[in-house]
């Protein structure tokens, strides 16, 4: 299944449920939002996105707690969760999804290349998922992170009680 196939499936589920989504991206740098909006009719359910590549922008734009960034760092489950919740609230969407991680070529703050956290937030709960990319280049890590984020959203909508 291609990225666009997964994005189209996500769009169908969002449209059927009368739901909307927004994206908060760090390592994917807009690739997730671009993939979602690559589906015709995405304006029915995509509210917007924030690319918060710099650590301080996660706090100022998405309301990630300074204490979380100081204690856990920008690549952590708590940061991913707060990013997802922050973007959902920022855009008033039903769902928020976030990506934060290390695309390489070297590790960051003791975190290895390929470590990614994806946050998913709806009005009832916010969760994070750890993902270890097998990609050997920055582009592969970023693409795999987008694929995983889309798949997690589809799974969340298909089986919300298991996310």
Protein backbone atom coordinates (compact mmCIF):
# COMPACT_ATOMS: atom_id res chain seq x y z
CA UNK A 1 0.00 0.00 0.00
CA UNK A 2 1.41 3.41 -0.96
CA UNK A 3 1.47 6.51 1.23
CA UNK A 4 -1.30 8.01 -0.89
CA UNK A 5 -3.40 4.84 -0.50
CA UNK A 6 -3.11 5.08 3.28
CA UNK A 7 -3.86 8.83 3.16
CA UNK A 8 -6.94 8.16 1.01
CA UNK A 9 -8.14 5.51 3.49
CA UNK A 10 -7.63 8.00 6.32
CA UNK A 11 -9.59 10.61 4.42
CA UNK A 12 -12.47 8.21 3.87
CA UNK A 13 -12.62 7.37 7.58
CA UNK A 14 -12.44 11.02 8.63
CA UNK A 15 -15.12 12.03 6.14
CA UNK A 16 -17.41 9.14 7.16
CA UNK A 17 -17.10 10.11 10.81
CA UNK A 18 -17.47 13.83 10.22
CA UNK A 19 -14.05 14.30 11.79
CA UNK A 20 -11.05 16.54 11.15
CA UNK A 21 -7.30 16.22 11.67
CA UNK A 22 -4.34 18.54 12.13
CA UNK A 23 -0.63 17.79 12.12
CA UNK A 24 2.31 18.80 14.31
CA UNK A 25 5.59 17.91 12.68
CA UNK A 26 9.21 18.04 13.66
CA UNK A 27 11.43 15.53 11.84
CA UNK A 28 8.93 15.09 8.97
CA UNK A 29 9.08 18.81 8.20
CA UNK A 30 5.67 19.07 6.54
CA UNK A 31 5.75 15.74 4.71
CA UNK A 32 2.85 14.34 6.75
CA UNK A 33 0.59 17.31 6.04
CA UNK A 34 1.61 17.27 2.37
CA UNK A 35 0.76 13.59 2.10
CA UNK A 36 -2.67 14.09 3.69
CA UNK A 37 -3.44 17.04 1.45
CA UNK A 38 -2.32 15.09 -1.61
CA UNK A 39 -5.70 13.37 -1.50
CA UNK A 40 -8.43 15.16 -3.46
CA UNK A 41 -11.04 16.60 -1.10
CA UNK A 42 -8.68 16.81 1.87
CA UNK A 43 -10.04 20.27 2.62
CA UNK A 44 -13.13 18.48 3.96
CA UNK A 45 -11.16 17.15 6.94
CA UNK A 46 -7.63 18.63 7.12
CA UNK A 47 -7.61 21.72 9.38
CA UNK A 48 -3.93 22.65 9.19
CA UNK A 49 -0.49 21.92 10.49
CA UNK A 50 2.45 23.32 12.42
CA UNK A 51 6.05 22.52 11.57
CA UNK A 52 7.86 22.97 14.85
CA UNK A 53 11.34 21.85 13.93
CA UNK A 54 13.13 23.93 16.58
CA UNK A 55 12.72 22.83 20.18
CA UNK A 56 11.56 26.26 21.39
CA UNK A 57 8.82 26.39 18.75
CA UNK A 58 7.27 23.26 20.23
CA UNK A 59 6.70 25.28 23.40
CA UNK A 60 5.67 28.59 21.85
CA UNK A 61 3.44 27.26 19.06
CA UNK A 62 2.10 23.98 20.46
CA UNK A 63 2.21 24.63 24.20
CA UNK A 64 4.59 21.78 24.96
CA UNK A 65 5.61 22.33 28.58
CA UNK A 66 9.08 23.80 29.05
CA UNK A 67 9.64 21.33 31.88
CA UNK A 68 8.89 18.43 29.52
CA UNK A 69 11.36 19.73 26.95
CA UNK A 70 14.00 20.28 29.65
CA UNK A 71 13.56 16.91 31.37
CA UNK A 72 12.54 14.56 28.53
CA UNK A 73 13.83 16.44 25.51
CA UNK A 74 12.19 17.13 22.16
CA UNK A 75 12.30 13.44 21.18
CA UNK A 76 10.15 11.73 23.80
CA UNK A 77 6.70 10.20 24.32
CA UNK A 78 5.58 13.15 26.48
CA UNK A 79 6.67 15.68 23.87
CA UNK A 80 4.87 13.77 21.10
CA UNK A 81 1.69 13.65 23.18
CA UNK A 82 1.80 17.34 24.04
CA UNK A 83 2.49 18.24 20.41
CA UNK A 84 -0.54 16.20 19.25
CA UNK A 85 -2.80 17.72 21.89
CA UNK A 86 -1.46 21.21 21.21
CA UNK A 87 -2.07 21.06 17.47
CA UNK A 88 -5.55 19.60 17.97
CA UNK A 89 -6.40 22.51 20.26
CA UNK A 90 -4.65 25.08 18.03
CA UNK A 91 -6.72 24.16 14.98
CA UNK A 92 -9.87 22.98 16.73
CA UNK A 93 -9.72 19.59 15.03
CA UNK A 94 -11.15 16.27 16.15
CA UNK A 95 -7.72 14.62 15.98
CA UNK A 96 -4.15 15.80 16.28
CA UNK A 97 -1.14 13.80 15.19
CA UNK A 98 2.51 14.60 15.83
CA UNK A 99 5.91 13.36 14.72
CA UNK A 100 9.15 13.95 16.59
CA UNK A 101 12.36 12.00 16.24
CA UNK A 102 15.85 11.72 14.86
CA UNK A 103 16.23 11.48 11.08
CA UNK A 104 20.02 11.55 11.10
CA UNK A 105 22.68 11.39 9.90
CA UNK A 106 23.77 11.39 13.56
CA UNK A 107 21.98 10.88 16.85
CA UNK A 108 20.60 13.75 18.91
CA UNK A 109 20.87 14.21 22.68
CA UNK A 110 21.74 10.54 23.13
CA UNK A 111 18.82 9.38 20.95
CA UNK A 112 19.68 7.12 18.01
CA UNK A 113 18.97 7.79 14.36
CA UNK A 114 15.60 6.32 13.43
CA UNK A 115 13.92 6.77 16.83
CA UNK A 116 10.52 8.37 16.28
CA UNK A 117 7.61 9.15 18.58
CA UNK A 118 4.17 9.68 17.11
CA UNK A 119 1.42 11.24 19.18
CA UNK A 120 -2.30 10.87 18.53
CA UNK A 121 -4.82 13.00 20.38
CA UNK A 122 -8.60 13.07 20.30
CA UNK A 123 -11.03 14.73 22.69
CA UNK A 124 -10.93 11.77 25.09
CA UNK A 125 -7.30 10.67 25.21
CA UNK A 126 -3.80 11.30 23.98
CA UNK A 127 -1.29 8.52 23.38
CA UNK A 128 2.19 8.14 21.96
CA UNK A 129 3.76 5.34 19.98
CA UNK A 130 7.46 4.59 19.69
CA UNK A 131 8.67 3.70 16.22
CA UNK A 132 12.14 2.55 15.16
CA UNK A 133 12.74 3.28 11.52
CA UNK A 134 14.85 0.89 9.51
CA UNK A 135 15.70 3.64 7.03
CA UNK A 136 19.34 4.23 6.21
CA UNK A 137 18.90 7.81 4.95
CA UNK A 138 17.15 10.89 6.32
CA UNK A 139 14.53 10.66 3.59
CA UNK A 140 13.80 7.00 4.34
CA UNK A 141 13.43 7.68 8.08
CA UNK A 142 11.10 10.61 7.39
CA UNK A 143 9.03 8.67 4.85
CA UNK A 144 8.67 5.69 7.19
CA UNK A 145 7.62 8.04 10.01
CA UNK A 146 4.89 9.51 7.78
CA UNK A 147 3.70 6.04 6.79
CA UNK A 148 3.57 4.95 10.43
CA UNK A 149 1.72 8.11 11.51
CA UNK A 150 -0.92 7.64 8.79
CA UNK A 151 -1.32 3.97 9.69
CA UNK A 152 -1.72 4.81 13.38
CA UNK A 153 -4.46 7.31 12.54
CA UNK A 154 -6.26 4.74 10.38
CA UNK A 155 -5.96 2.17 13.19
CA UNK A 156 -7.17 4.73 15.72
CA UNK A 157 -10.28 5.41 13.65
CA UNK A 158 -10.89 1.74 12.82
CA UNK A 159 -10.40 0.57 16.43
CA UNK A 160 -10.39 3.64 18.71
CA UNK A 161 -10.54 1.59 21.90
CA UNK A 162 -7.14 -0.03 21.12
CA UNK A 163 -5.06 3.09 20.42
